[in-house]
Amino acid sequence: MLSFVELTDAAILRELGRRLEAHRLERNLTQIELGDLAGLGRSTIQKIEGGGSVQTASLVKVLRALDLLTAVDAAIPDRVVLPVMELDRIRRTRRRARHRSTEGGAQQPSEETWTWGDES
């Protein structure tokens, strides 16, 4: 499988276009038919398949028409949690309560003797 990491932006666009064309052909669709399904013109489909730059909305329409949006969801997860980030989160988790403070300083114990309040 081809790694996009090593490719230039132009090469990535060409590869995406090639893959989308292959999906279109697997579904036995012409460029015009795919354009109709996606609500786009044939020239936009040609541009995408040729590795040209198009609006993101056009790409999403083509992905939806080819039923490939789940692939985008898998490729770009909602949230990425790196192991080192998870370790930092665990380290920051509170493990005990702190003394309550007043005006930024630590609360000092009272000098008075504590009572129940019913001694009188």
PDB file of N, CA and C in Angstrom:
ATOM      1  N   MET A   1       0.847  -1.182   0.000  1.00  0.00           N
ATOM      2  CA  MET A   1       0.000   0.000   0.000  1.00  0.00           C
ATOM      3  C   MET A   1       0.888   1.239   0.000  1.00  0.00           C
ATOM      4  N   LEU A   2       0.515   2.212  -0.793  1.00  0.00           N
ATOM      5  CA  LEU A   2       1.267   3.441  -0.957  1.00  0.00           C
ATOM      6  C   LEU A   2       1.126   4.331   0.269  1.00  0.00           C
ATOM      7  N   SER A   3       2.235   4.849   0.781  1.00  0.00           N
ATOM      8  CA  SER A   3       2.213   5.739   1.938  1.00  0.00           C
ATOM      9  C   SER A   3       2.186   7.186   1.466  1.00  0.00           C
ATOM     10  N   PHE A   4       1.175   7.925   1.892  1.00  0.00           N
ATOM     11  CA  PHE A   4       1.056   9.332   1.516  1.00  0.00           C
ATOM     12  C   PHE A   4       2.128  10.196   2.171  1.00  0.00           C
ATOM     13  N   VAL A   5       2.709   9.733   3.251  1.00  0.00           N
ATOM     14  CA  VAL A   5       3.676  10.527   4.006  1.00  0.00           C
ATOM     15  C   VAL A   5       4.858  10.957   3.137  1.00  0.00           C
ATOM     16  N   GLU A   6       5.267  10.096   2.246  1.00  0.00           N
ATOM     17  CA  GLU A   6       6.458  10.353   1.434  1.00  0.00           C
ATOM     18  C   GLU A   6       6.162  11.093   0.136  1.00  0.00           C
ATOM     19  N   LEU A   7       4.886  11.351  -0.166  1.00  0.00           N
ATOM     20  CA  LEU A   7       4.518  11.963  -1.438  1.00  0.00           C
ATOM     21  C   LEU A   7       4.366  13.478  -1.332  1.00  0.00           C
ATOM     22  N   THR A   8       4.517  14.134  -2.458  1.00  0.00           N
ATOM     23  CA  THR A   8       4.243  15.572  -2.519  1.00  0.00           C
ATOM     24  C   THR A   8       2.726  15.771  -2.537  1.00  0.00           C
ATOM     25  N   ASP A   9       2.290  17.005  -2.322  1.00  0.00           N
ATOM     26  CA  ASP A   9       0.858  17.303  -2.353  1.00  0.00           C
ATOM     27  C   ASP A   9       0.257  16.946  -3.715  1.00  0.00           C
ATOM     28  N   ALA A  10       0.954  17.305  -4.790  1.00  0.00           N
ATOM     29  CA  ALA A  10       0.462  17.009  -6.137  1.00  0.00           C
ATOM     30  C   ALA A  10       0.347  15.506  -6.364  1.00  0.00           C
ATOM     31  N   ALA A  11       1.309  14.746  -5.862  1.00  0.00           N
ATOM     32  CA  ALA A  11       1.276  13.287  -6.017  1.00  0.00           C
ATOM     33  C   ALA A  11       0.129  12.684  -5.203  1.00  0.00           C
ATOM     34  N   ILE A  12      -0.148  13.239  -4.052  1.00  0.00           N
ATOM     35  CA  ILE A  12      -1.267  12.756  -3.236  1.00  0.00           C
ATOM     36  C   ILE A  12      -2.586  13.003  -3.962  1.00  0.00           C
ATOM     37  N   LEU A  13      -2.742  14.190  -4.548  1.00  0.00           N
ATOM     38  CA  LEU A  13      -3.966  14.494  -5.301  1.00  0.00           C
ATOM     39  C   LEU A  13      -4.138  13.541  -6.483  1.00  0.00           C
ATOM     40  N   ARG A  14      -3.044  13.245  -7.172  1.00  0.00           N
ATOM     41  CA  ARG A  14      -3.114  12.298  -8.294  1.00  0.00           C
ATOM     42  C   ARG A  14      -3.531  10.908  -7.819  1.00  0.00           C
ATOM     43  N   GLU A  15      -2.966  10.474  -6.702  1.00  0.00           N
ATOM     44  CA  GLU A  15      -3.283   9.149  -6.170  1.00  0.00           C
ATOM     45  C   GLU A  15      -4.739   9.093  -5.693  1.00  0.00           C
ATOM     46  N   LEU A  16      -5.202  10.150  -5.036  1.00  0.00           N
ATOM     47  CA  LEU A  16      -6.607  10.189  -4.627  1.00  0.00           C
ATOM     48  C   LEU A  16      -7.515  10.122  -5.851  1.00  0.00           C
ATOM     49  N   GLY A  17      -7.174  10.873  -6.885  1.00  0.00           N
ATOM     50  CA  GLY A  17      -7.946  10.851  -8.123  1.00  0.00           C
ATOM     51  C   GLY A  17      -7.972   9.472  -8.751  1.00  0.00           C
ATOM     52  N   ARG A  18      -6.820   8.812  -8.774  1.00  0.00           N
ATOM     53  CA  ARG A  18      -6.736   7.467  -9.338  1.00  0.00           C
ATOM     54  C   ARG A  18      -7.627   6.502  -8.558  1.00  0.00           C
ATOM     55  N   ARG A  19      -7.593   6.609  -7.231  1.00  0.00           N
ATOM     56  CA  ARG A  19      -8.399   5.716  -6.401  1.00  0.00           C
ATOM     57  C   ARG A  19      -9.894   5.974  -6.587  1.00  0.00           C
ATOM     58  N   LEU A  20     -10.274   7.245  -6.665  1.00  0.00           N
ATOM     59  CA  LEU A  20     -11.685   7.568  -6.873  1.00  0.00           C
ATOM     60  C   LEU A  20     -12.163   7.073  -8.240  1.00  0.00           C
ATOM     61  N   GLU A  21     -11.307   7.212  -9.241  1.00  0.00           N
ATOM     62  CA  GLU A  21     -11.645   6.703 -10.565  1.00  0.00           C
ATOM     63  C   GLU A  21     -11.858   5.185 -10.519  1.00  0.00           C
ATOM     64  N   ALA A  22     -10.990   4.486  -9.801  1.00  0.00           N
ATOM     65  CA  ALA A  22     -11.117   3.034  -9.685  1.00  0.00           C
ATOM     66  C   ALA A  22     -12.440   2.660  -9.014  1.00  0.00           C
ATOM     67  N   HIS A  23     -12.823   3.398  -7.979  1.00  0.00           N
ATOM     68  CA  HIS A  23     -14.101   3.132  -7.305  1.00  0.00           C
ATOM     69  C   HIS A  23     -15.277   3.408  -8.248  1.00  0.00           C
ATOM     70  N   ARG A  24     -15.169   4.468  -9.023  1.00  0.00           N
ATOM     71  CA  ARG A  24     -16.229   4.787  -9.991  1.00  0.00           C
ATOM     72  C   ARG A  24     -16.380   3.660 -11.000  1.00  0.00           C
ATOM     73  N   LEU A  25     -15.247   3.189 -11.529  1.00  0.00           N
ATOM     74  CA  LEU A  25     -15.279   2.126 -12.532  1.00  0.00           C
ATOM     75  C   LEU A  25     -15.780   0.800 -11.946  1.00  0.00           C
ATOM     76  N   GLU A  26     -15.437   0.515 -10.680  1.00  0.00           N
ATOM     77  CA  GLU A  26     -15.940  -0.699 -10.019  1.00  0.00           C
ATOM     78  C   GLU A  26     -17.460  -0.680  -9.937  1.00  0.00           C
ATOM     79  N   ARG A  27     -18.018   0.514  -9.846  1.00  0.00           N
ATOM     80  CA  ARG A  27     -19.477   0.665  -9.776  1.00  0.00           C
ATOM     81  C   ARG A  27     -20.092   0.815 -11.175  1.00  0.00           C
ATOM     82  N   ASN A  28     -19.248   0.711 -12.194  1.00  0.00           N
ATOM     83  CA  ASN A  28     -19.680   0.791 -13.590  1.00  0.00           C
ATOM     84  C   ASN A  28     -20.409   2.114 -13.883  1.00  0.00           C
ATOM     85  N   LEU A  29     -19.833   3.209 -13.387  1.00  0.00           N
ATOM     86  CA  LEU A  29     -20.407   4.536 -13.606  1.00  0.00           C
ATOM     87  C   LEU A  29     -19.521   5.325 -14.567  1.00  0.00           C
ATOM     88  N   THR A  30     -20.159   6.089 -15.429  1.00  0.00           N
ATOM     89  CA  THR A  30     -19.401   7.027 -16.258  1.00  0.00           C
ATOM     90  C   THR A  30     -19.156   8.284 -15.426  1.00  0.00           C
ATOM     91  N   GLN A  31     -18.285   9.139 -15.919  1.00  0.00           N
ATOM     92  CA  GLN A  31     -18.041  10.399 -15.220  1.00  0.00           C
ATOM     93  C   GLN A  31     -19.318  11.239 -15.167  1.00  0.00           C
ATOM     94  N   ILE A  32     -20.091  11.198 -16.218  1.00  0.00           N
ATOM     95  CA  ILE A  32     -21.348  11.955 -16.250  1.00  0.00           C
ATOM     96  C   ILE A  32     -22.327  11.408 -15.213  1.00  0.00           C
ATOM     97  N   GLU A  33     -22.431  10.073 -15.119  1.00  0.00           N
ATOM     98  CA  GLU A  33     -23.341   9.457 -14.146  1.00  0.00           C
ATOM     99  C   GLU A  33     -22.909   9.776 -12.712  1.00  0.00           C
ATOM    100  N   LEU A  34     -21.614   9.704 -12.433  1.00  0.00           N
ATOM    101  CA  LEU A  34     -21.128  10.052 -11.106  1.00  0.00           C
ATOM    102  C   LEU A  34     -21.396  11.528 -10.816  1.00  0.00           C
ATOM    103  N   GLY A  35     -21.169  12.364 -11.804  1.00  0.00           N
ATOM    104  CA  GLY A  35     -21.451  13.788 -11.639  1.00  0.00           C
ATOM    105  C   GLY A  35     -22.910  14.036 -11.314  1.00  0.00           C
ATOM    106  N   ASP A  36     -23.813  13.325 -11.993  1.00  0.00           N
ATOM    107  CA  ASP A  36     -25.246  13.459 -11.711  1.00  0.00           C
ATOM    108  C   ASP A  36     -25.572  13.016 -10.288  1.00  0.00           C
ATOM    109  N   LEU A  37     -24.990  11.887  -9.867  1.00  0.00           N
ATOM    110  CA  LEU A  37     -25.214  11.398  -8.496  1.00  0.00           C
ATOM    111  C   LEU A  37     -24.697  12.381  -7.444  1.00  0.00           C
ATOM    112  N   ALA A  38     -23.563  13.007  -7.751  1.00  0.00           N
ATOM    113  CA  ALA A  38     -22.921  13.916  -6.799  1.00  0.00           C
ATOM    114  C   ALA A  38     -23.423  15.352  -6.925  1.00  0.00           C
ATOM    115  N   GLY A  39     -24.166  15.641  -7.989  1.00  0.00           N
ATOM    116  CA  GLY A  39     -24.621  17.011  -8.205  1.00  0.00           C
ATOM    117  C   GLY A  39     -23.509  17.905  -8.725  1.00  0.00           C
ATOM    118  N   LEU A  40     -22.607  17.311  -9.488  1.00  0.00           N
ATOM    119  CA  LEU A  40     -21.461  18.043 -10.035  1.00  0.00           C
ATOM    120  C   LEU A  40     -21.404  17.841 -11.551  1.00  0.00           C
ATOM    121  N   GLY A  41     -20.650  18.694 -12.202  1.00  0.00           N
ATOM    122  CA  GLY A  41     -20.457  18.551 -13.636  1.00  0.00           C
ATOM    123  C   GLY A  41     -19.365  17.550 -13.957  1.00  0.00           C
ATOM    124  N   ARG A  42     -19.378  17.074 -15.192  1.00  0.00           N
ATOM    125  CA  ARG A  42     -18.374  16.110 -15.644  1.00  0.00           C
ATOM    126  C   ARG A  42     -16.969  16.686 -15.531  1.00  0.00           C
ATOM    127  N   SER A  43     -16.827  17.961 -15.791  1.00  0.00           N
ATOM    128  CA  SER A  43     -15.498  18.577 -15.734  1.00  0.00           C
ATOM    129  C   SER A  43     -14.918  18.534 -14.319  1.00  0.00           C
ATOM    130  N   THR A  44     -15.774  18.650 -13.310  1.00  0.00           N
ATOM    131  CA  THR A  44     -15.292  18.548 -11.923  1.00  0.00           C
ATOM    132  C   THR A  44     -14.837  17.134 -11.623  1.00  0.00           C
ATOM    133  N   ILE A  45     -15.573  16.146 -12.104  1.00  0.00           N
ATOM    134  CA  ILE A  45     -15.178  14.743 -11.906  1.00  0.00           C
ATOM    135  C   ILE A  45     -13.847  14.489 -12.609  1.00  0.00           C
ATOM    136  N   GLN A  46     -13.708  15.003 -13.831  1.00  0.00           N
ATOM    137  CA  GLN A  46     -12.448  14.848 -14.563  1.00  0.00           C
ATOM    138  C   GLN A  46     -11.299  15.493 -13.795  1.00  0.00           C
ATOM    139  N   LYS A  47     -11.551  16.662 -13.249  1.00  0.00           N
ATOM    140  CA  LYS A  47     -10.509  17.373 -12.506  1.00  0.00           C
ATOM    141  C   LYS A  47     -10.080  16.572 -11.271  1.00  0.00           C
ATOM    142  N   ILE A  48     -11.056  16.048 -10.545  1.00  0.00           N
ATOM    143  CA  ILE A  48     -10.741  15.248  -9.352  1.00  0.00           C
ATOM    144  C   ILE A  48      -9.934  14.016  -9.750  1.00  0.00           C
ATOM    145  N   GLU A  49     -10.410  13.284 -10.733  1.00  0.00           N
ATOM    146  CA  GLU A  49      -9.729  12.052 -11.146  1.00  0.00           C
ATOM    147  C   GLU A  49      -8.365  12.332 -11.757  1.00  0.00           C
ATOM    148  N   GLY A  50      -8.175  13.519 -12.283  1.00  0.00           N
ATOM    149  CA  GLY A  50      -6.884  13.886 -12.852  1.00  0.00           C
ATOM    150  C   GLY A  50      -5.904  14.428 -11.830  1.00  0.00           C
ATOM    151  N   GLY A  51      -6.333  14.506 -10.576  1.00  0.00           N
ATOM    152  CA  GLY A  51      -5.443  14.984  -9.522  1.00  0.00           C
ATOM    153  C   GLY A  51      -5.444  16.494  -9.374  1.00  0.00           C
ATOM    154  N   GLY A  52      -6.467  17.138  -9.930  1.00  0.00           N
ATOM    155  CA  GLY A  52      -6.573  18.591  -9.813  1.00  0.00           C
ATOM    156  C   GLY A  52      -7.112  19.004  -8.457  1.00  0.00           C
ATOM    157  N   SER A  53      -6.932  20.268  -8.156  1.00  0.00           N
ATOM    158  CA  SER A  53      -7.414  20.821  -6.905  1.00  0.00           C
ATOM    159  C   SER A  53      -8.869  21.257  -7.082  1.00  0.00           C
ATOM    160  N   VAL A  54      -9.745  20.822  -6.176  1.00  0.00           N
ATOM    161  CA  VAL A  54     -11.161  21.179  -6.221  1.00  0.00           C
ATOM    162  C   VAL A  54     -11.609  21.611  -4.830  1.00  0.00           C
ATOM    163  N   GLN A  55     -12.804  22.160  -4.759  1.00  0.00           N
ATOM    164  CA  GLN A  55     -13.353  22.546  -3.471  1.00  0.00           C
ATOM    165  C   GLN A  55     -13.594  21.301  -2.620  1.00  0.00           C
ATOM    166  N   THR A  56     -13.427  21.448  -1.328  1.00  0.00           N
ATOM    167  CA  THR A  56     -13.644  20.338  -0.411  1.00  0.00           C
ATOM    168  C   THR A  56     -15.076  19.819  -0.527  1.00  0.00           C
ATOM    169  N   ALA A  57     -16.033  20.720  -0.702  1.00  0.00           N
ATOM    170  CA  ALA A  57     -17.434  20.312  -0.820  1.00  0.00           C
ATOM    171  C   ALA A  57     -17.629  19.390  -2.028  1.00  0.00           C
ATOM    172  N   SER A  58     -16.928  19.646  -3.109  1.00  0.00           N
ATOM    173  CA  SER A  58     -17.040  18.787  -4.291  1.00  0.00           C
ATOM    174  C   SER A  58     -16.490  17.398  -3.996  1.00  0.00           C
ATOM    175  N   LEU A  59     -15.375  17.345  -3.302  1.00  0.00           N
ATOM    176  CA  LEU A  59     -14.793  16.049  -2.938  1.00  0.00           C
ATOM    177  C   LEU A  59     -15.744  15.275  -2.030  1.00  0.00           C
ATOM    178  N   VAL A  60     -16.355  15.950  -1.076  1.00  0.00           N
ATOM    179  CA  VAL A  60     -17.297  15.293  -0.159  1.00  0.00           C
ATOM    180  C   VAL A  60     -18.494  14.750  -0.947  1.00  0.00           C
ATOM    181  N   LYS A  61     -18.977  15.509  -1.910  1.00  0.00           N
ATOM    182  CA  LYS A  61     -20.106  15.051  -2.725  1.00  0.00           C
ATOM    183  C   LYS A  61     -19.750  13.781  -3.496  1.00  0.00           C
ATOM    184  N   VAL A  62     -18.549  13.732  -4.045  1.00  0.00           N
ATOM    185  CA  VAL A  62     -18.110  12.538  -4.776  1.00  0.00           C
ATOM    186  C   VAL A  62     -17.963  11.366  -3.815  1.00  0.00           C
ATOM    187  N   LEU A  63     -17.363  11.590  -2.648  1.00  0.00           N
ATOM    188  CA  LEU A  63     -17.206  10.518  -1.667  1.00  0.00           C
ATOM    189  C   LEU A  63     -18.570   9.989  -1.224  1.00  0.00           C
ATOM    190  N   ARG A  64     -19.531  10.886  -1.036  1.00  0.00           N
ATOM    191  CA  ARG A  64     -20.875  10.454  -0.650  1.00  0.00           C
ATOM    192  C   ARG A  64     -21.519   9.633  -1.772  1.00  0.00           C
ATOM    193  N   ALA A  65     -21.398  10.104  -3.008  1.00  0.00           N
ATOM    194  CA  ALA A  65     -21.990   9.399  -4.151  1.00  0.00           C
ATOM    195  C   ALA A  65     -21.387   8.003  -4.327  1.00  0.00           C
ATOM    196  N   LEU A  66     -20.106   7.858  -3.985  1.00  0.00           N
ATOM    197  CA  LEU A  66     -19.437   6.559  -4.097  1.00  0.00           C
ATOM    198  C   LEU A  66     -19.533   5.745  -2.804  1.00  0.00           C
ATOM    199  N   ASP A  67     -20.255   6.276  -1.831  1.00  0.00           N
ATOM    200  CA  ASP A  67     -20.430   5.618  -0.532  1.00  0.00           C
ATOM    201  C   ASP A  67     -19.084   5.366   0.159  1.00  0.00           C
ATOM    202  N   LEU A  68     -18.237   6.396   0.161  1.00  0.00           N
ATOM    203  CA  LEU A  68     -16.904   6.274   0.757  1.00  0.00           C
ATOM    204  C   LEU A  68     -16.696   7.183   1.977  1.00  0.00           C
ATOM    205  N   LEU A  69     -17.759   7.784   2.488  1.00  0.00           N
ATOM    206  CA  LEU A  69     -17.581   8.684   3.629  1.00  0.00           C
ATOM    207  C   LEU A  69     -17.115   7.966   4.886  1.00  0.00           C
ATOM    208  N   THR A  70     -17.445   6.688   5.032  1.00  0.00           N
ATOM    209  CA  THR A  70     -16.972   5.951   6.208  1.00  0.00           C
ATOM    210  C   THR A  70     -15.447   5.819   6.181  1.00  0.00           C
ATOM    211  N   ALA A  71     -14.870   5.792   4.985  1.00  0.00           N
ATOM    212  CA  ALA A  71     -13.410   5.729   4.871  1.00  0.00           C
ATOM    213  C   ALA A  71     -12.778   7.015   5.384  1.00  0.00           C
ATOM    214  N   VAL A  72     -13.429   8.144   5.134  1.00  0.00           N
ATOM    215  CA  VAL A  72     -12.921   9.428   5.636  1.00  0.00           C
ATOM    216  C   VAL A  72     -13.006   9.444   7.157  1.00  0.00           C
ATOM    217  N   ASP A  73     -14.109   8.929   7.686  1.00  0.00           N
ATOM    218  CA  ASP A  73     -14.280   8.876   9.138  1.00  0.00           C
ATOM    219  C   ASP A  73     -13.182   8.037   9.781  1.00  0.00           C
ATOM    220  N   ALA A  74     -12.803   6.959   9.127  1.00  0.00           N
ATOM    221  CA  ALA A  74     -11.734   6.104   9.656  1.00  0.00           C
ATOM    222  C   ALA A  74     -10.361   6.765   9.490  1.00  0.00           C
ATOM    223  N   ALA A  75     -10.176   7.491   8.392  1.00  0.00           N
ATOM    224  CA  ALA A  75      -8.876   8.103   8.113  1.00  0.00           C
ATOM    225  C   ALA A  75      -8.617   9.329   8.987  1.00  0.00           C
ATOM    226  N   ILE A  76      -9.667  10.053   9.321  1.00  0.00           N
ATOM    227  CA  ILE A  76      -9.523  11.260  10.130  1.00  0.00           C
ATOM    228  C   ILE A  76     -10.396  11.102  11.372  1.00  0.00           C
ATOM    229  N   PRO A  77      -9.869  10.480  12.414  1.00  0.00           N
ATOM    230  CA  PRO A  77     -10.677  10.236  13.608  1.00  0.00           C
ATOM    231  C   PRO A  77     -11.063  11.539  14.301  1.00  0.00           C
ATOM    232  N   ASP A  78     -12.118  11.444  15.071  1.00  0.00           N
ATOM    233  CA  ASP A  78     -12.619  12.600  15.809  1.00  0.00           C
ATOM    234  C   ASP A  78     -11.562  13.146  16.762  1.00  0.00           C
ATOM    235  N   ARG A  79     -10.836  12.251  17.417  1.00  0.00           N
ATOM    236  CA  ARG A  79      -9.836  12.667  18.401  1.00  0.00           C
ATOM    237  C   ARG A  79      -8.693  11.664  18.376  1.00  0.00           C
ATOM    238  N   VAL A  80      -7.496  12.183  18.386  1.00  0.00           N
ATOM    239  CA  VAL A  80      -6.320  11.326  18.409  1.00  0.00           C
ATOM    240  C   VAL A  80      -5.725  11.400  19.812  1.00  0.00           C
ATOM    241  N   VAL A  81      -5.571  10.247  20.443  1.00  0.00           N
ATOM    242  CA  VAL A  81      -4.974  10.196  21.769  1.00  0.00           C
ATOM    243  C   VAL A  81      -3.634   9.478  21.644  1.00  0.00           C
ATOM    244  N   LEU A  82      -2.579  10.237  21.818  1.00  0.00           N
ATOM    245  CA  LEU A  82      -1.250   9.653  21.785  1.00  0.00           C
ATOM    246  C   LEU A  82      -0.929   9.084  23.157  1.00  0.00           C
ATOM    247  N   PRO A  83      -0.187   7.996  23.213  1.00  0.00           N
ATOM    248  CA  PRO A  83       0.129   7.383  24.505  1.00  0.00           C
ATOM    249  C   PRO A  83       0.769   8.362  25.491  1.00  0.00           C
ATOM    250  N   VAL A  84       1.642   9.218  25.021  1.00  0.00           N
ATOM    251  CA  VAL A  84       2.294  10.164  25.932  1.00  0.00           C
ATOM    252  C   VAL A  84       1.281  11.169  26.483  1.00  0.00           C
ATOM    253  N   MET A  85       0.268  11.530  25.686  1.00  0.00           N
ATOM    254  CA  MET A  85      -0.772  12.439  26.170  1.00  0.00           C
ATOM    255  C   MET A  85      -1.608  11.757  27.247  1.00  0.00           C
ATOM    256  N   GLU A  86      -1.872  10.480  27.077  1.00  0.00           N
ATOM    257  CA  GLU A  86      -2.646   9.736  28.063  1.00  0.00           C
ATOM    258  C   GLU A  86      -1.879   9.629  29.375  1.00  0.00           C
ATOM    259  N   LEU A  87      -0.565   9.426  29.309  1.00  0.00           N
ATOM    260  CA  LEU A  87       0.247   9.381  30.530  1.00  0.00           C
ATOM    261  C   LEU A  87       0.197  10.715  31.261  1.00  0.00           C
ATOM    262  N   ASP A  88       0.293  11.820  30.523  1.00  0.00           N
ATOM    263  CA  ASP A  88       0.205  13.141  31.144  1.00  0.00           C
ATOM    264  C   ASP A  88      -1.145  13.334  31.812  1.00  0.00           C
ATOM    265  N   ARG A  89      -2.214  12.881  31.168  1.00  0.00           N
ATOM    266  CA  ARG A  89      -3.545  13.024  31.756  1.00  0.00           C
ATOM    267  C   ARG A  89      -3.650  12.222  33.056  1.00  0.00           C
ATOM    268  N   ILE A  90      -3.101  11.020  33.060  1.00  0.00           N
ATOM    269  CA  ILE A  90      -3.151  10.182  34.260  1.00  0.00           C
ATOM    270  C   ILE A  90      -2.353  10.828  35.385  1.00  0.00           C
ATOM    271  N   ARG A  91      -1.201  11.389  35.063  1.00  0.00           N
ATOM    272  CA  ARG A  91      -0.367  12.040  36.083  1.00  0.00           C
ATOM    273  C   ARG A  91      -1.056  13.251  36.699  1.00  0.00           C
ATOM    274  N   ARG A  92      -1.876  13.944  35.888  1.00  0.00           N
ATOM    275  CA  ARG A  92      -2.555  15.143  36.384  1.00  0.00           C
ATOM    276  C   ARG A  92      -3.826  14.828  37.159  1.00  0.00           C
ATOM    277  N   THR A  93      -4.271  13.578  37.168  1.00  0.00           N
ATOM    278  CA  THR A  93      -5.485  13.207  37.877  1.00  0.00           C
ATOM    279  C   THR A  93      -5.260  13.366  39.367  1.00  0.00           C
ATOM    280  N   ARG A  94      -6.186  14.068  40.002  1.00  0.00           N
ATOM    281  CA  ARG A  94      -6.058  14.305  41.450  1.00  0.00           C
ATOM    282  C   ARG A  94      -6.216  12.995  42.201  1.00  0.00           C
ATOM    283  N   ARG A  95      -5.368  12.812  43.194  1.00  0.00           N
ATOM    284  CA  ARG A  95      -5.414  11.594  43.986  1.00  0.00           C
ATOM    285  C   ARG A  95      -5.784  11.866  45.446  1.00  0.00           C
ATOM    286  N   ARG A  96      -5.807  13.131  45.834  1.00  0.00           N
ATOM    287  CA  ARG A  96      -6.210  13.481  47.202  1.00  0.00           C
ATOM    288  C   ARG A  96      -6.703  14.920  47.225  1.00  0.00           C
ATOM    289  N   ALA A  97      -7.424  15.240  48.267  1.00  0.00           N
ATOM    290  CA  ALA A  97      -7.970  16.586  48.415  1.00  0.00           C
ATOM    291  C   ALA A  97      -6.896  17.515  48.966  1.00  0.00           C
ATOM    292  N   ARG A  98      -7.041  18.772  48.660  1.00  0.00           N
ATOM    293  CA  ARG A  98      -6.125  19.782  49.186  1.00  0.00           C
ATOM    294  C   ARG A  98      -6.804  20.550  50.301  1.00  0.00           C
ATOM    295  N   HIS A  99      -5.981  21.199  51.145  1.00  0.00           N
ATOM    296  CA  HIS A  99      -6.548  22.073  52.176  1.00  0.00           C
ATOM    297  C   HIS A  99      -7.260  23.221  51.502  1.00  0.00           C
ATOM    298  N   ARG A 100      -8.384  23.605  52.048  1.00  0.00           N
ATOM    299  CA  ARG A 100      -9.075  24.766  51.515  1.00  0.00           C
ATOM    300  C   ARG A 100      -8.297  26.001  51.912  1.00  0.00           C
ATOM    301  N   SER A 101      -8.237  26.944  51.016  1.00  0.00           N
ATOM    302  CA  SER A 101      -7.452  28.142  51.297  1.00  0.00           C
ATOM    303  C   SER A 101      -8.356  29.362  51.284  1.00  0.00           C
ATOM    304  N   THR A 102      -7.900  30.403  51.976  1.00  0.00           N
ATOM    305  CA  THR A 102      -8.594  31.688  51.970  1.00  0.00           C
ATOM    306  C   THR A 102      -7.630  32.715  51.439  1.00  0.00           C
ATOM    307  N   GLU A 103      -8.050  33.449  50.424  1.00  0.00           N
ATOM    308  CA  GLU A 103      -7.259  34.503  49.799  1.00  0.00           C
ATOM    309  C   GLU A 103      -5.876  34.019  49.387  1.00  0.00           C
ATOM    310  N   GLY A 104      -5.811  32.862  48.811  1.00  0.00           N
ATOM    311  CA  GLY A 104      -4.566  32.381  48.244  1.00  0.00           C
ATOM    312  C   GLY A 104      -3.641  31.699  49.228  1.00  0.00           C
ATOM    313  N   GLY A 105      -3.827  31.850  50.507  1.00  0.00           N
ATOM    314  CA  GLY A 105      -2.951  31.207  51.480  1.00  0.00           C
ATOM    315  C   GLY A 105      -3.607  29.985  52.063  1.00  0.00           C
ATOM    316  N   ALA A 106      -2.812  29.152  52.705  1.00  0.00           N
ATOM    317  CA  ALA A 106      -3.351  27.951  53.327  1.00  0.00           C
ATOM    318  C   ALA A 106      -4.148  28.339  54.554  1.00  0.00           C
ATOM    319  N   GLN A 107      -5.262  27.662  54.787  1.00  0.00           N
ATOM    320  CA  GLN A 107      -6.097  27.961  55.943  1.00  0.00           C
ATOM    321  C   GLN A 107      -5.393  27.467  57.196  1.00  0.00           C
ATOM    322  N   GLN A 108      -5.300  28.343  58.169  1.00  0.00           N
ATOM    323  CA  GLN A 108      -4.651  28.005  59.429  1.00  0.00           C
ATOM    324  C   GLN A 108      -5.668  27.391  60.384  1.00  0.00           C
ATOM    325  N   PRO A 109      -5.257  26.395  61.171  1.00  0.00           N
ATOM    326  CA  PRO A 109      -6.177  25.809  62.130  1.00  0.00           C
ATOM    327  C   PRO A 109      -6.600  26.855  63.155  1.00  0.00           C
ATOM    328  N   SER A 110      -7.823  26.753  63.608  1.00  0.00           N
ATOM    329  CA  SER A 110      -8.357  27.704  64.580  1.00  0.00           C
ATOM    330  C   SER A 110      -7.723  27.458  65.937  1.00  0.00           C
ATOM    331  N   GLU A 111      -7.513  28.570  66.709  1.00  0.00           N
ATOM    332  CA  GLU A 111      -6.940  28.476  68.056  1.00  0.00           C
ATOM    333  C   GLU A 111      -8.005  28.078  69.064  1.00  0.00           C
ATOM    334  N   GLU A 112      -9.282  28.250  68.701  1.00  0.00           N
ATOM    335  CA  GLU A 112     -10.361  27.961  69.647  1.00  0.00           C
ATOM    336  C   GLU A 112     -10.539  26.461  69.797  1.00  0.00           C
ATOM    337  N   THR A 113     -11.047  26.074  70.996  1.00  0.00           N
ATOM    338  CA  THR A 113     -11.365  24.670  71.236  1.00  0.00           C
ATOM    339  C   THR A 113     -12.728  24.396  70.633  1.00  0.00           C
ATOM    340  N   TRP A 114     -12.826  23.327  69.982  1.00  0.00           N
ATOM    341  CA  TRP A 114     -14.074  22.970  69.307  1.00  0.00           C
ATOM    342  C   TRP A 114     -15.086  22.460  70.302  1.00  0.00           C
ATOM    343  N   THR A 115     -16.366  22.848  70.110  1.00  0.00           N
ATOM    344  CA  THR A 115     -17.431  22.378  70.986  1.00  0.00           C
ATOM    345  C   THR A 115     -18.637  21.998  70.146  1.00  0.00           C
ATOM    346  N   TRP A 116     -19.561  21.282  70.786  1.00  0.00           N
ATOM    347  CA  TRP A 116     -20.787  20.876  70.116  1.00  0.00           C
ATOM    348  C   TRP A 116     -21.750  22.043  69.989  1.00  0.00           C
ATOM    349  N   GLY A 117     -21.670  22.994  70.852  1.00  0.00           N
ATOM    350  CA  GLY A 117     -22.563  24.131  70.787  1.00  0.00           C
ATOM    351  C   GLY A 117     -23.764  24.010  71.708  1.00  0.00           C
ATOM    352  N   ASP A 118     -23.879  22.930  72.464  1.00  0.00           N
ATOM    353  CA  ASP A 118     -25.020  22.779  73.368  1.00  0.00           C
ATOM    354  C   ASP A 118     -24.564  22.717  74.813  1.00  0.00           C
ATOM    355  N   GLU A 119     -23.385  23.282  75.090  1.00  0.00           N
ATOM    356  CA  GLU A 119     -22.828  23.230  76.435  1.00  0.00           C
ATOM    357  C   GLU A 119     -23.433  24.266  77.368  1.00  0.00           C
ATOM    358  N   SER A 120     -24.125  25.265  76.896  1.00  0.00           N
ATOM    359  CA  SER A 120     -24.611  26.315  77.781  1.00  0.00           C
ATOM    360  C   SER A 120     -25.839  25.976  78.552  1.00  0.00           C
TER     361      SER A 120
END
